[in-house]
């Protein structure tokens, strides 16, 4: 038998950030829908993230060197 204890609200790290990012993703999918090339969705997501004042780096802006195979 499982003992039901008082439900405690867990505070997840970066909850608001994750919520904002997912909101941007859903906004893009609602606005343009499926069926476009990946770069179209990527650009739309970048625009949505800028509108929500999120700071980020794109793959092109990254200074990390790729791992050689």
PDB file of N, CA and C in Angstrom:
ATOM      1  N   UNK A   1       0.845  -1.176   0.000  1.00  0.00           N
ATOM      2  CA  UNK A   1       0.000   0.000   0.000  1.00  0.00           C
ATOM      3  C   UNK A   1       0.895   1.244   0.000  1.00  0.00           C
ATOM      4  N   UNK A   2       0.558   2.186  -0.851  1.00  0.00           N
ATOM      5  CA  UNK A   2       1.322   3.422  -0.963  1.00  0.00           C
ATOM      6  C   UNK A   2       0.753   4.451  -0.003  1.00  0.00           C
ATOM      7  N   UNK A   3       1.625   4.996   0.790  1.00  0.00           N
ATOM      8  CA  UNK A   3       1.224   6.027   1.744  1.00  0.00           C
ATOM      9  C   UNK A   3       1.201   7.377   1.039  1.00  0.00           C
ATOM     10  N   UNK A   4       0.074   8.022   1.027  1.00  0.00           N
ATOM     11  CA  UNK A   4      -0.042   9.339   0.390  1.00  0.00           C
ATOM     12  C   UNK A   4       0.384  10.400   1.390  1.00  0.00           C
ATOM     13  N   UNK A   5       1.419  11.108   1.043  1.00  0.00           N
ATOM     14  CA  UNK A   5       1.903  12.179   1.902  1.00  0.00           C
ATOM     15  C   UNK A   5       1.454  13.506   1.324  1.00  0.00           C
ATOM     16  N   UNK A   6       1.592  14.510   2.122  1.00  0.00           N
ATOM     17  CA  UNK A   6       1.244  15.855   1.679  1.00  0.00           C
ATOM     18  C   UNK A   6       2.059  16.177   0.425  1.00  0.00           C
ATOM     19  N   UNK A   7       1.377  16.605  -0.628  1.00  0.00           N
ATOM     20  CA  UNK A   7       2.058  16.906  -1.896  1.00  0.00           C
ATOM     21  C   UNK A   7       2.892  18.170  -1.742  1.00  0.00           C
ATOM     22  N   UNK A   8       4.173  18.019  -2.020  1.00  0.00           N
ATOM     23  CA  UNK A   8       5.062  19.170  -1.978  1.00  0.00           C
ATOM     24  C   UNK A   8       5.350  19.609  -3.399  1.00  0.00           C
ATOM     25  N   UNK A   9       5.329  20.885  -3.600  1.00  0.00           N
ATOM     26  CA  UNK A   9       5.596  21.425  -4.924  1.00  0.00           C
ATOM     27  C   UNK A   9       7.105  21.461  -5.137  1.00  0.00           C
ATOM     28  N   UNK A  10       7.573  20.644  -6.074  1.00  0.00           N
ATOM     29  CA  UNK A  10       9.001  20.593  -6.362  1.00  0.00           C
ATOM     30  C   UNK A  10       9.387  21.781  -7.232  1.00  0.00           C
ATOM     31  N   UNK A  11      10.467  22.417  -6.885  1.00  0.00           N
ATOM     32  CA  UNK A  11      10.960  23.538  -7.661  1.00  0.00           C
ATOM     33  C   UNK A  11      12.051  23.009  -8.581  1.00  0.00           C
ATOM     34  N   UNK A  12      11.781  23.014  -9.857  1.00  0.00           N
ATOM     35  CA  UNK A  12      12.747  22.523 -10.821  1.00  0.00           C
ATOM     36  C   UNK A  12      13.700  23.649 -11.218  1.00  0.00           C
ATOM     37  N   UNK A  13      14.975  23.329 -11.376  1.00  0.00           N
ATOM     38  CA  UNK A  13      15.908  24.371 -11.815  1.00  0.00           C
ATOM     39  C   UNK A  13      15.561  24.801 -13.243  1.00  0.00           C
ATOM     40  N   UNK A  14      15.660  26.071 -13.501  1.00  0.00           N
ATOM     41  CA  UNK A  14      15.411  26.651 -14.830  1.00  0.00           C
ATOM     42  C   UNK A  14      13.975  26.446 -15.320  1.00  0.00           C
ATOM     43  N   UNK A  15      13.026  26.286 -14.416  1.00  0.00           N
ATOM     44  CA  UNK A  15      11.638  26.040 -14.808  1.00  0.00           C
ATOM     45  C   UNK A  15      11.108  27.117 -15.743  1.00  0.00           C
ATOM     46  N   UNK A  16      11.292  28.377 -15.380  1.00  0.00           N
ATOM     47  CA  UNK A  16      10.763  29.470 -16.210  1.00  0.00           C
ATOM     48  C   UNK A  16      11.451  29.533 -17.568  1.00  0.00           C
ATOM     49  N   UNK A  17      12.758  29.282 -17.607  1.00  0.00           N
ATOM     50  CA  UNK A  17      13.481  29.281 -18.874  1.00  0.00           C
ATOM     51  C   UNK A  17      12.956  28.178 -19.792  1.00  0.00           C
ATOM     52  N   UNK A  18      12.800  26.984 -19.244  1.00  0.00           N
ATOM     53  CA  UNK A  18      12.294  25.862 -20.033  1.00  0.00           C
ATOM     54  C   UNK A  18      10.877  26.153 -20.509  1.00  0.00           C
ATOM     55  N   UNK A  19      10.076  26.729 -19.634  1.00  0.00           N
ATOM     56  CA  UNK A  19       8.698  27.066 -19.995  1.00  0.00           C
ATOM     57  C   UNK A  19       8.665  28.077 -21.153  1.00  0.00           C
ATOM     58  N   UNK A  20       9.549  29.059 -21.115  1.00  0.00           N
ATOM     59  CA  UNK A  20       9.612  30.064 -22.177  1.00  0.00           C
ATOM     60  C   UNK A  20      10.073  29.438 -23.495  1.00  0.00           C
ATOM     61  N   UNK A  21      11.098  28.594 -23.438  1.00  0.00           N
ATOM     62  CA  UNK A  21      11.603  27.949 -24.652  1.00  0.00           C
ATOM     63  C   UNK A  21      10.536  27.055 -25.274  1.00  0.00           C
ATOM     64  N   UNK A  22       9.875  26.243 -24.449  1.00  0.00           N
ATOM     65  CA  UNK A  22       8.811  25.381 -24.974  1.00  0.00           C
ATOM     66  C   UNK A  22       7.653  26.205 -25.524  1.00  0.00           C
ATOM     67  N   UNK A  23       7.358  27.319 -24.873  1.00  0.00           N
ATOM     68  CA  UNK A  23       6.315  28.205 -25.380  1.00  0.00           C
ATOM     69  C   UNK A  23       6.657  28.730 -26.761  1.00  0.00           C
ATOM     70  N   UNK A  24       7.939  29.061 -26.981  1.00  0.00           N
ATOM     71  CA  UNK A  24       8.390  29.511 -28.301  1.00  0.00           C
ATOM     72  C   UNK A  24       8.216  28.390 -29.335  1.00  0.00           C
ATOM     73  N   UNK A  25       8.560  27.175 -28.942  1.00  0.00           N
ATOM     74  CA  UNK A  25       8.426  26.029 -29.855  1.00  0.00           C
ATOM     75  C   UNK A  25       6.969  25.822 -30.252  1.00  0.00           C
ATOM     76  N   UNK A  26       6.075  25.846 -29.274  1.00  0.00           N
ATOM     77  CA  UNK A  26       4.655  25.655 -29.565  1.00  0.00           C
ATOM     78  C   UNK A  26       4.104  26.803 -30.404  1.00  0.00           C
ATOM     79  N   UNK A  27       4.572  28.011 -30.132  1.00  0.00           N
ATOM     80  CA  UNK A  27       4.136  29.183 -30.901  1.00  0.00           C
ATOM     81  C   UNK A  27       4.513  29.029 -32.379  1.00  0.00           C
ATOM     82  N   UNK A  28       5.741  28.568 -32.629  1.00  0.00           N
ATOM     83  CA  UNK A  28       6.204  28.370 -34.007  1.00  0.00           C
ATOM     84  C   UNK A  28       5.378  27.286 -34.691  1.00  0.00           C
ATOM     85  N   UNK A  29       5.170  26.167 -34.010  1.00  0.00           N
ATOM     86  CA  UNK A  29       4.401  25.086 -34.625  1.00  0.00           C
ATOM     87  C   UNK A  29       2.960  25.503 -34.898  1.00  0.00           C
ATOM     88  N   UNK A  30       2.385  26.297 -33.997  1.00  0.00           N
ATOM     89  CA  UNK A  30       1.019  26.771 -34.195  1.00  0.00           C
ATOM     90  C   UNK A  30       0.953  27.747 -35.371  1.00  0.00           C
ATOM     91  N   UNK A  31       1.989  28.581 -35.492  1.00  0.00           N
ATOM     92  CA  UNK A  31       2.008  29.617 -36.524  1.00  0.00           C
ATOM     93  C   UNK A  31       2.287  29.058 -37.917  1.00  0.00           C
ATOM     94  N   UNK A  32       3.339  28.252 -38.062  1.00  0.00           N
ATOM     95  CA  UNK A  32       3.707  27.795 -39.417  1.00  0.00           C
ATOM     96  C   UNK A  32       3.373  26.334 -39.680  1.00  0.00           C
ATOM     97  N   UNK A  33       3.175  25.544 -38.634  1.00  0.00           N
ATOM     98  CA  UNK A  33       2.797  24.152 -38.809  1.00  0.00           C
ATOM     99  C   UNK A  33       3.933  23.283 -39.318  1.00  0.00           C
ATOM    100  N   UNK A  34       3.643  22.013 -39.538  1.00  0.00           N
ATOM    101  CA  UNK A  34       4.669  21.079 -40.000  1.00  0.00           C
ATOM    102  C   UNK A  34       4.850  21.156 -41.518  1.00  0.00           C
ATOM    103  N   UNK A  35       5.881  20.480 -41.992  1.00  0.00           N
ATOM    104  CA  UNK A  35       6.046  20.336 -43.435  1.00  0.00           C
ATOM    105  C   UNK A  35       7.094  21.230 -44.054  1.00  0.00           C
ATOM    106  N   UNK A  36       7.670  22.127 -43.301  1.00  0.00           N
ATOM    107  CA  UNK A  36       8.716  22.986 -43.842  1.00  0.00           C
ATOM    108  C   UNK A  36      10.079  22.365 -43.581  1.00  0.00           C
ATOM    109  N   UNK A  37      11.081  22.875 -44.277  1.00  0.00           N
ATOM    110  CA  UNK A  37      12.440  22.415 -44.048  1.00  0.00           C
ATOM    111  C   UNK A  37      12.890  22.822 -42.644  1.00  0.00           C
ATOM    112  N   UNK A  38      13.886  22.104 -42.156  1.00  0.00           N
ATOM    113  CA  UNK A  38      14.385  22.357 -40.805  1.00  0.00           C
ATOM    114  C   UNK A  38      14.855  23.798 -40.635  1.00  0.00           C
ATOM    115  N   UNK A  39      15.513  24.357 -41.658  1.00  0.00           N
ATOM    116  CA  UNK A  39      16.027  25.719 -41.536  1.00  0.00           C
ATOM    117  C   UNK A  39      14.905  26.746 -41.382  1.00  0.00           C
ATOM    118  N   UNK A  40      13.747  26.478 -41.966  1.00  0.00           N
ATOM    119  CA  UNK A  40      12.599  27.384 -41.823  1.00  0.00           C
ATOM    120  C   UNK A  40      12.123  27.377 -40.371  1.00  0.00           C
ATOM    121  N   UNK A  41      11.985  26.176 -39.801  1.00  0.00           N
ATOM    122  CA  UNK A  41      11.573  26.073 -38.400  1.00  0.00           C
ATOM    123  C   UNK A  41      12.627  26.685 -37.477  1.00  0.00           C
ATOM    124  N   UNK A  42      13.895  26.465 -37.793  1.00  0.00           N
ATOM    125  CA  UNK A  42      14.974  27.014 -36.968  1.00  0.00           C
ATOM    126  C   UNK A  42      14.919  28.538 -36.973  1.00  0.00           C
ATOM    127  N   UNK A  43      14.777  29.131 -38.146  1.00  0.00           N
ATOM    128  CA  UNK A  43      14.717  30.591 -38.240  1.00  0.00           C
ATOM    129  C   UNK A  43      13.488  31.155 -37.524  1.00  0.00           C
ATOM    130  N   UNK A  44      12.362  30.469 -37.669  1.00  0.00           N
ATOM    131  CA  UNK A  44      11.148  30.918 -36.980  1.00  0.00           C
ATOM    132  C   UNK A  44      11.325  30.826 -35.470  1.00  0.00           C
ATOM    133  N   UNK A  45      11.992  29.771 -35.001  1.00  0.00           N
ATOM    134  CA  UNK A  45      12.240  29.623 -33.572  1.00  0.00           C
ATOM    135  C   UNK A  45      13.188  30.705 -33.069  1.00  0.00           C
ATOM    136  N   UNK A  46      14.199  31.042 -33.844  1.00  0.00           N
ATOM    137  CA  UNK A  46      15.126  32.114 -33.453  1.00  0.00           C
ATOM    138  C   UNK A  46      14.383  33.440 -33.311  1.00  0.00           C
ATOM    139  N   UNK A  47      13.480  33.709 -34.221  1.00  0.00           N
ATOM    140  CA  UNK A  47      12.690  34.948 -34.163  1.00  0.00           C
ATOM    141  C   UNK A  47      11.818  34.949 -32.912  1.00  0.00           C
ATOM    142  N   UNK A  48      11.149  33.825 -32.643  1.00  0.00           N
ATOM    143  CA  UNK A  48      10.282  33.734 -31.461  1.00  0.00           C
ATOM    144  C   UNK A  48      11.092  33.905 -30.182  1.00  0.00           C
ATOM    145  N   UNK A  49      12.287  33.329 -30.144  1.00  0.00           N
ATOM    146  CA  UNK A  49      13.125  33.445 -28.951  1.00  0.00           C
ATOM    147  C   UNK A  49      13.608  34.881 -28.760  1.00  0.00           C
ATOM    148  N   UNK A  50      13.929  35.571 -29.860  1.00  0.00           N
ATOM    149  CA  UNK A  50      14.325  36.980 -29.753  1.00  0.00           C
ATOM    150  C   UNK A  50      13.165  37.829 -29.255  1.00  0.00           C
ATOM    151  N   UNK A  51      11.956  37.536 -29.722  1.00  0.00           N
ATOM    152  CA  UNK A  51      10.780  38.288 -29.286  1.00  0.00           C
ATOM    153  C   UNK A  51      10.505  38.083 -27.793  1.00  0.00           C
ATOM    154  N   UNK A  52      10.933  36.944 -27.266  1.00  0.00           N
ATOM    155  CA  UNK A  52      10.762  36.653 -25.844  1.00  0.00           C
ATOM    156  C   UNK A  52      12.005  37.004 -25.038  1.00  0.00           C
ATOM    157  N   UNK A  53      12.893  37.774 -25.641  1.00  0.00           N
ATOM    158  CA  UNK A  53      14.091  38.308 -25.004  1.00  0.00           C
ATOM    159  C   UNK A  53      14.964  37.192 -24.392  1.00  0.00           C
ATOM    160  N   UNK A  54      15.172  36.137 -25.158  1.00  0.00           N
ATOM    161  CA  UNK A  54      16.071  35.063 -24.738  1.00  0.00           C
ATOM    162  C   UNK A  54      17.421  35.267 -25.415  1.00  0.00           C
ATOM    163  N   UNK A  55      18.479  35.127 -24.656  1.00  0.00           N
ATOM    164  CA  UNK A  55      19.822  35.221 -25.221  1.00  0.00           C
ATOM    165  C   UNK A  55      20.293  33.818 -25.583  1.00  0.00           C
ATOM    166  N   UNK A  56      20.903  33.679 -26.749  1.00  0.00           N
ATOM    167  CA  UNK A  56      21.342  32.368 -27.206  1.00  0.00           C
ATOM    168  C   UNK A  56      22.431  32.528 -28.251  1.00  0.00           C
ATOM    169  N   UNK A  57      23.101  31.437 -28.542  1.00  0.00           N
ATOM    170  CA  UNK A  57      24.075  31.388 -29.633  1.00  0.00           C
ATOM    171  C   UNK A  57      23.590  30.367 -30.647  1.00  0.00           C
ATOM    172  N   UNK A  58      23.752  30.688 -31.914  1.00  0.00           N
ATOM    173  CA  UNK A  58      23.418  29.724 -32.947  1.00  0.00           C
ATOM    174  C   UNK A  58      24.651  28.879 -33.256  1.00  0.00           C
ATOM    175  N   UNK A  59      24.461  27.860 -34.051  1.00  0.00           N
ATOM    176  CA  UNK A  59      25.584  27.003 -34.429  1.00  0.00           C
ATOM    177  C   UNK A  59      26.670  27.807 -35.131  1.00  0.00           C
ATOM    178  N   UNK A  60      26.265  28.764 -35.945  1.00  0.00           N
ATOM    179  CA  UNK A  60      27.219  29.571 -36.691  1.00  0.00           C
ATOM    180  C   UNK A  60      28.010  30.496 -35.771  1.00  0.00           C
ATOM    181  N   UNK A  61      27.411  30.906 -34.660  1.00  0.00           N
ATOM    182  CA  UNK A  61      28.056  31.829 -33.734  1.00  0.00           C
ATOM    183  C   UNK A  61      28.942  31.120 -32.721  1.00  0.00           C
ATOM    184  N   UNK A  62      28.827  29.825 -32.614  1.00  0.00           N
ATOM    185  CA  UNK A  62      29.575  29.069 -31.618  1.00  0.00           C
ATOM    186  C   UNK A  62      31.063  29.084 -31.960  1.00  0.00           C
ATOM    187  N   UNK A  63      31.891  29.225 -30.931  1.00  0.00           N
ATOM    188  CA  UNK A  63      33.340  29.246 -31.144  1.00  0.00           C
ATOM    189  C   UNK A  63      33.962  27.882 -30.861  1.00  0.00           C
ATOM    190  N   UNK A  64      33.132  26.905 -30.489  1.00  0.00           N
ATOM    191  CA  UNK A  64      33.650  25.573 -30.212  1.00  0.00           C
ATOM    192  C   UNK A  64      34.061  24.889 -31.504  1.00  0.00           C
ATOM    193  N   UNK A  65      35.151  24.154 -31.445  1.00  0.00           N
ATOM    194  CA  UNK A  65      35.615  23.414 -32.609  1.00  0.00           C
ATOM    195  C   UNK A  65      34.880  22.085 -32.678  1.00  0.00           C
ATOM    196  N   UNK A  66      34.489  21.659 -33.872  1.00  0.00           N
ATOM    197  CA  UNK A  66      33.807  20.365 -33.984  1.00  0.00           C
ATOM    198  C   UNK A  66      34.760  19.216 -33.645  1.00  0.00           C
ATOM    199  N   UNK A  67      34.173  18.148 -33.154  1.00  0.00           N
ATOM    200  CA  UNK A  67      34.956  16.972 -32.810  1.00  0.00           C
ATOM    201  C   UNK A  67      35.237  16.188 -34.104  1.00  0.00           C
ATOM    202  N   UNK A  68      36.513  15.957 -34.434  1.00  0.00           N
ATOM    203  CA  UNK A  68      36.795  15.195 -35.659  1.00  0.00           C
ATOM    204  C   UNK A  68      36.469  13.713 -35.480  1.00  0.00           C
ATOM    205  N   UNK A  69      36.000  13.103 -36.531  1.00  0.00           N
ATOM    206  CA  UNK A  69      35.680  11.674 -36.498  1.00  0.00           C
ATOM    207  C   UNK A  69      36.746  10.887 -37.188  1.00  0.00           C
TER     208      UNK A  69
END
